[in-house]
């Protein structure tokens, strides 16, 4: 299986030096491409990203477009 394009975003806490506290809801990392990737490599990429950022909740949205072979 092949993923034709993807957009991965890591949302989390970021330290605010002025307020001296963590603030939530910040975009920490964004990875996207319309070049495509093999599904096995994509899953490995998601796994590495999750491990690097202590990911505990993942949301996935999938759109499958049917090909017309006329």
PDB file of N, CA and C in Angstrom:
ATOM      1  N   UNK A   1       0.845  -1.171   0.000  1.00  0.00           N
ATOM      2  CA  UNK A   1       0.000   0.000   0.000  1.00  0.00           C
ATOM      3  C   UNK A   1       0.892   1.236   0.000  1.00  0.00           C
ATOM      4  N   UNK A   2       0.383   2.333  -0.542  1.00  0.00           N
ATOM      5  CA  UNK A   2       1.153   3.541  -0.754  1.00  0.00           C
ATOM      6  C   UNK A   2       0.355   4.752  -0.257  1.00  0.00           C
ATOM      7  N   UNK A   3       0.999   5.633   0.486  1.00  0.00           N
ATOM      8  CA  UNK A   3       0.397   6.877   0.953  1.00  0.00           C
ATOM      9  C   UNK A   3       0.840   7.970  -0.016  1.00  0.00           C
ATOM     10  N   UNK A   4      -0.104   8.591  -0.725  1.00  0.00           N
ATOM     11  CA  UNK A   4       0.256   9.553  -1.768  1.00  0.00           C
ATOM     12  C   UNK A   4       0.682  10.912  -1.213  1.00  0.00           C
ATOM     13  N   UNK A   5       0.148  11.311  -0.066  1.00  0.00           N
ATOM     14  CA  UNK A   5       0.599  12.537   0.599  1.00  0.00           C
ATOM     15  C   UNK A   5       0.244  12.449   2.077  1.00  0.00           C
ATOM     16  N   UNK A   6       0.985  13.181   2.884  1.00  0.00           N
ATOM     17  CA  UNK A   6       0.736  13.145   4.328  1.00  0.00           C
ATOM     18  C   UNK A   6       1.077  14.479   4.967  1.00  0.00           C
ATOM     19  N   UNK A   7       0.511  14.693   6.138  1.00  0.00           N
ATOM     20  CA  UNK A   7       0.753  15.898   6.931  1.00  0.00           C
ATOM     21  C   UNK A   7       0.702  15.470   8.393  1.00  0.00           C
ATOM     22  N   UNK A   8       1.855  15.458   9.067  1.00  0.00           N
ATOM     23  CA  UNK A   8       1.929  15.053  10.471  1.00  0.00           C
ATOM     24  C   UNK A   8       2.284  16.270  11.314  1.00  0.00           C
ATOM     25  N   UNK A   9       1.549  16.458  12.396  1.00  0.00           N
ATOM     26  CA  UNK A   9       1.754  17.596  13.280  1.00  0.00           C
ATOM     27  C   UNK A   9       1.875  17.086  14.710  1.00  0.00           C
ATOM     28  N   UNK A  10       2.899  17.556  15.420  1.00  0.00           N
ATOM     29  CA  UNK A  10       3.048  17.258  16.843  1.00  0.00           C
ATOM     30  C   UNK A  10       2.639  18.515  17.598  1.00  0.00           C
ATOM     31  N   UNK A  11       1.590  18.396  18.416  1.00  0.00           N
ATOM     32  CA  UNK A  11       1.098  19.507  19.216  1.00  0.00           C
ATOM     33  C   UNK A  11       1.392  19.191  20.675  1.00  0.00           C
ATOM     34  N   UNK A  12       1.994  20.142  21.376  1.00  0.00           N
ATOM     35  CA  UNK A  12       2.343  19.879  22.757  1.00  0.00           C
ATOM     36  C   UNK A  12       2.634  21.137  23.540  1.00  0.00           C
ATOM     37  N   UNK A  13       3.307  20.940  24.670  1.00  0.00           N
ATOM     38  CA  UNK A  13       3.650  22.040  25.569  1.00  0.00           C
ATOM     39  C   UNK A  13       4.960  22.682  25.166  1.00  0.00           C
ATOM     40  N   UNK A  14       5.012  23.983  25.370  1.00  0.00           N
ATOM     41  CA  UNK A  14       6.228  24.742  25.082  1.00  0.00           C
ATOM     42  C   UNK A  14       6.495  25.661  26.268  1.00  0.00           C
ATOM     43  N   UNK A  15       7.760  25.759  26.673  1.00  0.00           N
ATOM     44  CA  UNK A  15       8.130  26.579  27.819  1.00  0.00           C
ATOM     45  C   UNK A  15       8.112  28.061  27.440  1.00  0.00           C
ATOM     46  N   UNK A  16       7.408  28.862  28.236  1.00  0.00           N
ATOM     47  CA  UNK A  16       7.365  30.307  28.049  1.00  0.00           C
ATOM     48  C   UNK A  16       8.261  30.930  29.111  1.00  0.00           C
ATOM     49  N   UNK A  17       9.394  31.476  28.694  1.00  0.00           N
ATOM     50  CA  UNK A  17      10.372  32.033  29.632  1.00  0.00           C
ATOM     51  C   UNK A  17       9.847  33.279  30.347  1.00  0.00           C
ATOM     52  N   UNK A  18       9.045  34.089  29.657  1.00  0.00           N
ATOM     53  CA  UNK A  18       8.525  35.315  30.272  1.00  0.00           C
ATOM     54  C   UNK A  18       7.559  34.995  31.418  1.00  0.00           C
ATOM     55  N   UNK A  19       6.709  33.985  31.199  1.00  0.00           N
ATOM     56  CA  UNK A  19       5.731  33.604  32.229  1.00  0.00           C
ATOM     57  C   UNK A  19       6.264  32.511  33.147  1.00  0.00           C
ATOM     58  N   UNK A  20       7.398  31.919  32.776  1.00  0.00           N
ATOM     59  CA  UNK A  20       8.030  30.827  33.517  1.00  0.00           C
ATOM     60  C   UNK A  20       7.065  29.677  33.785  1.00  0.00           C
ATOM     61  N   UNK A  21       6.407  29.230  32.710  1.00  0.00           N
ATOM     62  CA  UNK A  21       5.526  28.066  32.805  1.00  0.00           C
ATOM     63  C   UNK A  21       5.349  27.448  31.416  1.00  0.00           C
ATOM     64  N   UNK A  22       4.831  26.209  31.408  1.00  0.00           N
ATOM     65  CA  UNK A  22       4.538  25.540  30.147  1.00  0.00           C
ATOM     66  C   UNK A  22       3.182  26.003  29.626  1.00  0.00           C
ATOM     67  N   UNK A  23       3.121  26.210  28.310  1.00  0.00           N
ATOM     68  CA  UNK A  23       1.870  26.545  27.657  1.00  0.00           C
ATOM     69  C   UNK A  23       1.540  25.433  26.672  1.00  0.00           C
ATOM     70  N   UNK A  24       0.296  24.999  26.676  1.00  0.00           N
ATOM     71  CA  UNK A  24      -0.093  23.879  25.813  1.00  0.00           C
ATOM     72  C   UNK A  24      -0.689  24.371  24.503  1.00  0.00           C
ATOM     73  N   UNK A  25      -0.792  23.449  23.556  1.00  0.00           N
ATOM     74  CA  UNK A  25      -1.420  23.739  22.273  1.00  0.00           C
ATOM     75  C   UNK A  25      -0.505  24.315  21.215  1.00  0.00           C
ATOM     76  N   UNK A  26       0.798  24.221  21.405  1.00  0.00           N
ATOM     77  CA  UNK A  26       1.745  24.750  20.427  1.00  0.00           C
ATOM     78  C   UNK A  26       2.130  23.678  19.410  1.00  0.00           C
ATOM     79  N   UNK A  27       2.330  24.072  18.154  1.00  0.00           N
ATOM     80  CA  UNK A  27       2.842  23.166  17.130  1.00  0.00           C
ATOM     81  C   UNK A  27       4.345  23.050  17.320  1.00  0.00           C
ATOM     82  N   UNK A  28       4.796  21.844  17.674  1.00  0.00           N
ATOM     83  CA  UNK A  28       6.213  21.603  17.912  1.00  0.00           C
ATOM     84  C   UNK A  28       6.923  21.129  16.651  1.00  0.00           C
ATOM     85  N   UNK A  29       6.252  20.274  15.865  1.00  0.00           N
ATOM     86  CA  UNK A  29       6.838  19.718  14.644  1.00  0.00           C
ATOM     87  C   UNK A  29       5.731  19.588  13.604  1.00  0.00           C
ATOM     88  N   UNK A  30       6.075  19.861  12.362  1.00  0.00           N
ATOM     89  CA  UNK A  30       5.157  19.594  11.251  1.00  0.00           C
ATOM     90  C   UNK A  30       5.953  18.997  10.116  1.00  0.00           C
ATOM     91  N   UNK A  31       5.524  17.829   9.672  1.00  0.00           N
ATOM     92  CA  UNK A  31       6.154  17.134   8.542  1.00  0.00           C
ATOM     93  C   UNK A  31       5.066  16.863   7.510  1.00  0.00           C
ATOM     94  N   UNK A  32       5.319  17.267   6.273  1.00  0.00           N
ATOM     95  CA  UNK A  32       4.332  17.017   5.231  1.00  0.00           C
ATOM     96  C   UNK A  32       5.035  16.795   3.902  1.00  0.00           C
ATOM     97  N   UNK A  33       4.359  16.097   3.019  1.00  0.00           N
ATOM     98  CA  UNK A  33       4.894  15.858   1.687  1.00  0.00           C
ATOM     99  C   UNK A  33       3.770  15.431   0.759  1.00  0.00           C
ATOM    100  N   UNK A  34       3.894  15.800  -0.488  1.00  0.00           N
ATOM    101  CA  UNK A  34       2.977  15.276  -1.503  1.00  0.00           C
ATOM    102  C   UNK A  34       3.719  14.358  -2.467  1.00  0.00           C
ATOM    103  N   UNK A  35       4.933  13.967  -2.074  1.00  0.00           N
ATOM    104  CA  UNK A  35       5.742  13.046  -2.868  1.00  0.00           C
ATOM    105  C   UNK A  35       5.328  11.592  -2.660  1.00  0.00           C
ATOM    106  N   UNK A  36       4.721  11.297  -1.529  1.00  0.00           N
ATOM    107  CA  UNK A  36       4.263   9.942  -1.259  1.00  0.00           C
ATOM    108  C   UNK A  36       5.314   9.088  -0.573  1.00  0.00           C
ATOM    109  N   UNK A  37       4.846   7.990   0.029  1.00  0.00           N
ATOM    110  CA  UNK A  37       5.726   7.102   0.789  1.00  0.00           C
ATOM    111  C   UNK A  37       5.047   5.737   0.933  1.00  0.00           C
ATOM    112  N   UNK A  38       5.847   4.697   0.989  1.00  0.00           N
ATOM    113  CA  UNK A  38       5.337   3.352   1.234  1.00  0.00           C
ATOM    114  C   UNK A  38       4.745   3.290   2.640  1.00  0.00           C
ATOM    115  N   UNK A  39       3.644   2.587   2.821  1.00  0.00           N
ATOM    116  CA  UNK A  39       2.937   2.557   4.107  1.00  0.00           C
ATOM    117  C   UNK A  39       3.816   2.033   5.247  1.00  0.00           C
ATOM    118  N   UNK A  40       4.670   1.057   4.983  1.00  0.00           N
ATOM    119  CA  UNK A  40       5.534   0.514   6.037  1.00  0.00           C
ATOM    120  C   UNK A  40       6.542   1.565   6.508  1.00  0.00           C
ATOM    121  N   UNK A  41       7.101   2.312   5.586  1.00  0.00           N
ATOM    122  CA  UNK A  41       8.034   3.377   5.953  1.00  0.00           C
ATOM    123  C   UNK A  41       7.306   4.518   6.659  1.00  0.00           C
ATOM    124  N   UNK A  42       6.067   4.777   6.259  1.00  0.00           N
ATOM    125  CA  UNK A  42       5.269   5.823   6.897  1.00  0.00           C
ATOM    126  C   UNK A  42       4.965   5.463   8.353  1.00  0.00           C
ATOM    127  N   UNK A  43       4.611   4.217   8.599  1.00  0.00           N
ATOM    128  CA  UNK A  43       4.339   3.767   9.968  1.00  0.00           C
ATOM    129  C   UNK A  43       5.603   3.859  10.819  1.00  0.00           C
ATOM    130  N   UNK A  44       6.744   3.499  10.258  1.00  0.00           N
ATOM    131  CA  UNK A  44       8.013   3.623  10.984  1.00  0.00           C
ATOM    132  C   UNK A  44       8.314   5.089  11.307  1.00  0.00           C
ATOM    133  N   UNK A  45       8.037   5.965  10.359  1.00  0.00           N
ATOM    134  CA  UNK A  45       8.243   7.391  10.568  1.00  0.00           C
ATOM    135  C   UNK A  45       7.347   7.915  11.695  1.00  0.00           C
ATOM    136  N   UNK A  46       6.079   7.503  11.710  1.00  0.00           N
ATOM    137  CA  UNK A  46       5.163   7.899  12.778  1.00  0.00           C
ATOM    138  C   UNK A  46       5.626   7.370  14.123  1.00  0.00           C
ATOM    139  N   UNK A  47       6.119   6.144  14.153  1.00  0.00           N
ATOM    140  CA  UNK A  47       6.599   5.534  15.384  1.00  0.00           C
ATOM    141  C   UNK A  47       7.801   6.294  15.952  1.00  0.00           C
ATOM    142  N   UNK A  48       8.757   6.638  15.097  1.00  0.00           N
ATOM    143  CA  UNK A  48       9.930   7.396  15.528  1.00  0.00           C
ATOM    144  C   UNK A  48       9.538   8.781  16.038  1.00  0.00           C
ATOM    145  N   UNK A  49       8.620   9.435  15.347  1.00  0.00           N
ATOM    146  CA  UNK A  49       8.165  10.759  15.753  1.00  0.00           C
ATOM    147  C   UNK A  49       7.442  10.692  17.098  1.00  0.00           C
ATOM    148  N   UNK A  50       6.637   9.669  17.277  1.00  0.00           N
ATOM    149  CA  UNK A  50       5.931   9.473  18.542  1.00  0.00           C
ATOM    150  C   UNK A  50       6.901   9.232  19.685  1.00  0.00           C
ATOM    151  N   UNK A  51       7.916   8.405  19.467  1.00  0.00           N
ATOM    152  CA  UNK A  51       8.922   8.134  20.501  1.00  0.00           C
ATOM    153  C   UNK A  51       9.720   9.393  20.854  1.00  0.00           C
ATOM    154  N   UNK A  52      10.050  10.189  19.862  1.00  0.00           N
ATOM    155  CA  UNK A  52      10.865  11.379  20.085  1.00  0.00           C
ATOM    156  C   UNK A  52      10.124  12.459  20.870  1.00  0.00           C
ATOM    157  N   UNK A  53       8.809  12.461  20.797  1.00  0.00           N
ATOM    158  CA  UNK A  53       8.030  13.514  21.445  1.00  0.00           C
ATOM    159  C   UNK A  53       7.070  12.968  22.492  1.00  0.00           C
ATOM    160  N   UNK A  54       7.357  11.790  23.005  1.00  0.00           N
ATOM    161  CA  UNK A  54       6.502  11.179  24.040  1.00  0.00           C
ATOM    162  C   UNK A  54       5.034  11.189  23.628  1.00  0.00           C
ATOM    163  N   UNK A  55       4.791  10.853  22.379  1.00  0.00           N
ATOM    164  CA  UNK A  55       3.428  10.854  21.865  1.00  0.00           C
ATOM    165  C   UNK A  55       2.564   9.806  22.547  1.00  0.00           C
ATOM    166  N   UNK A  56       1.366  10.198  22.904  1.00  0.00           N
ATOM    167  CA  UNK A  56       0.481   9.238  23.558  1.00  0.00           C
ATOM    168  C   UNK A  56      -0.899   9.204  22.915  1.00  0.00           C
ATOM    169  N   UNK A  57      -1.178  10.169  22.048  1.00  0.00           N
ATOM    170  CA  UNK A  57      -2.477  10.201  21.392  1.00  0.00           C
ATOM    171  C   UNK A  57      -2.268  10.530  19.921  1.00  0.00           C
ATOM    172  N   UNK A  58      -2.791   9.690  19.045  1.00  0.00           N
ATOM    173  CA  UNK A  58      -2.608   9.888  17.608  1.00  0.00           C
ATOM    174  C   UNK A  58      -3.976   9.934  16.950  1.00  0.00           C
ATOM    175  N   UNK A  59      -4.199  10.947  16.122  1.00  0.00           N
ATOM    176  CA  UNK A  59      -5.421  11.062  15.342  1.00  0.00           C
ATOM    177  C   UNK A  59      -5.079  10.834  13.877  1.00  0.00           C
ATOM    178  N   UNK A  60      -5.885  10.040  13.193  1.00  0.00           N
ATOM    179  CA  UNK A  60      -5.632   9.730  11.790  1.00  0.00           C
ATOM    180  C   UNK A  60      -6.882  10.028  10.969  1.00  0.00           C
ATOM    181  N   UNK A  61      -6.680  10.692   9.852  1.00  0.00           N
ATOM    182  CA  UNK A  61      -7.750  10.937   8.901  1.00  0.00           C
ATOM    183  C   UNK A  61      -7.311  10.341   7.563  1.00  0.00           C
ATOM    184  N   UNK A  62      -8.132   9.479   6.994  1.00  0.00           N
ATOM    185  CA  UNK A  62      -7.775   8.788   5.745  1.00  0.00           C
ATOM    186  C   UNK A  62      -8.824   9.091   4.681  1.00  0.00           C
ATOM    187  N   UNK A  63      -8.345   9.455   3.504  1.00  0.00           N
ATOM    188  CA  UNK A  63      -9.223   9.642   2.352  1.00  0.00           C
ATOM    189  C   UNK A  63      -8.745   8.678   1.273  1.00  0.00           C
ATOM    190  N   UNK A  64      -9.617   7.797   0.845  1.00  0.00           N
ATOM    191  CA  UNK A  64      -9.282   6.851  -0.220  1.00  0.00           C
ATOM    192  C   UNK A  64     -10.045   7.261  -1.469  1.00  0.00           C
ATOM    193  N   UNK A  65      -9.317   7.503  -2.552  1.00  0.00           N
ATOM    194  CA  UNK A  65      -9.936   7.915  -3.802  1.00  0.00           C
ATOM    195  C   UNK A  65      -9.902   6.738  -4.777  1.00  0.00           C
ATOM    196  N   UNK A  66     -11.061   6.386  -5.263  1.00  0.00           N
ATOM    197  CA  UNK A  66     -11.171   5.270  -6.197  1.00  0.00           C
ATOM    198  C   UNK A  66     -10.646   5.691  -7.565  1.00  0.00           C
ATOM    199  N   UNK A  67      -9.872   4.808  -8.165  1.00  0.00           N
ATOM    200  CA  UNK A  67      -9.381   5.077  -9.510  1.00  0.00           C
ATOM    201  C   UNK A  67     -10.401   4.602 -10.532  1.00  0.00           C
ATOM    202  N   UNK A  68     -10.483   5.347 -11.625  1.00  0.00           N
ATOM    203  CA  UNK A  68     -11.389   5.000 -12.695  1.00  0.00           C
ATOM    204  C   UNK A  68     -10.566   4.471 -13.856  1.00  0.00           C
ATOM    205  N   UNK A  69     -10.712   3.202 -14.183  1.00  0.00           N
ATOM    206  CA  UNK A  69      -9.923   2.561 -15.243  1.00  0.00           C
ATOM    207  C   UNK A  69     -10.738   2.462 -16.523  1.00  0.00           C
ATOM    208  N   UNK A  70     -11.008   3.586 -17.136  1.00  0.00           N
ATOM    209  CA  UNK A  70     -11.777   3.573 -18.407  1.00  0.00           C
ATOM    210  C   UNK A  70     -10.875   3.328 -19.575  1.00  0.00           C
TER     211      UNK A  70
END
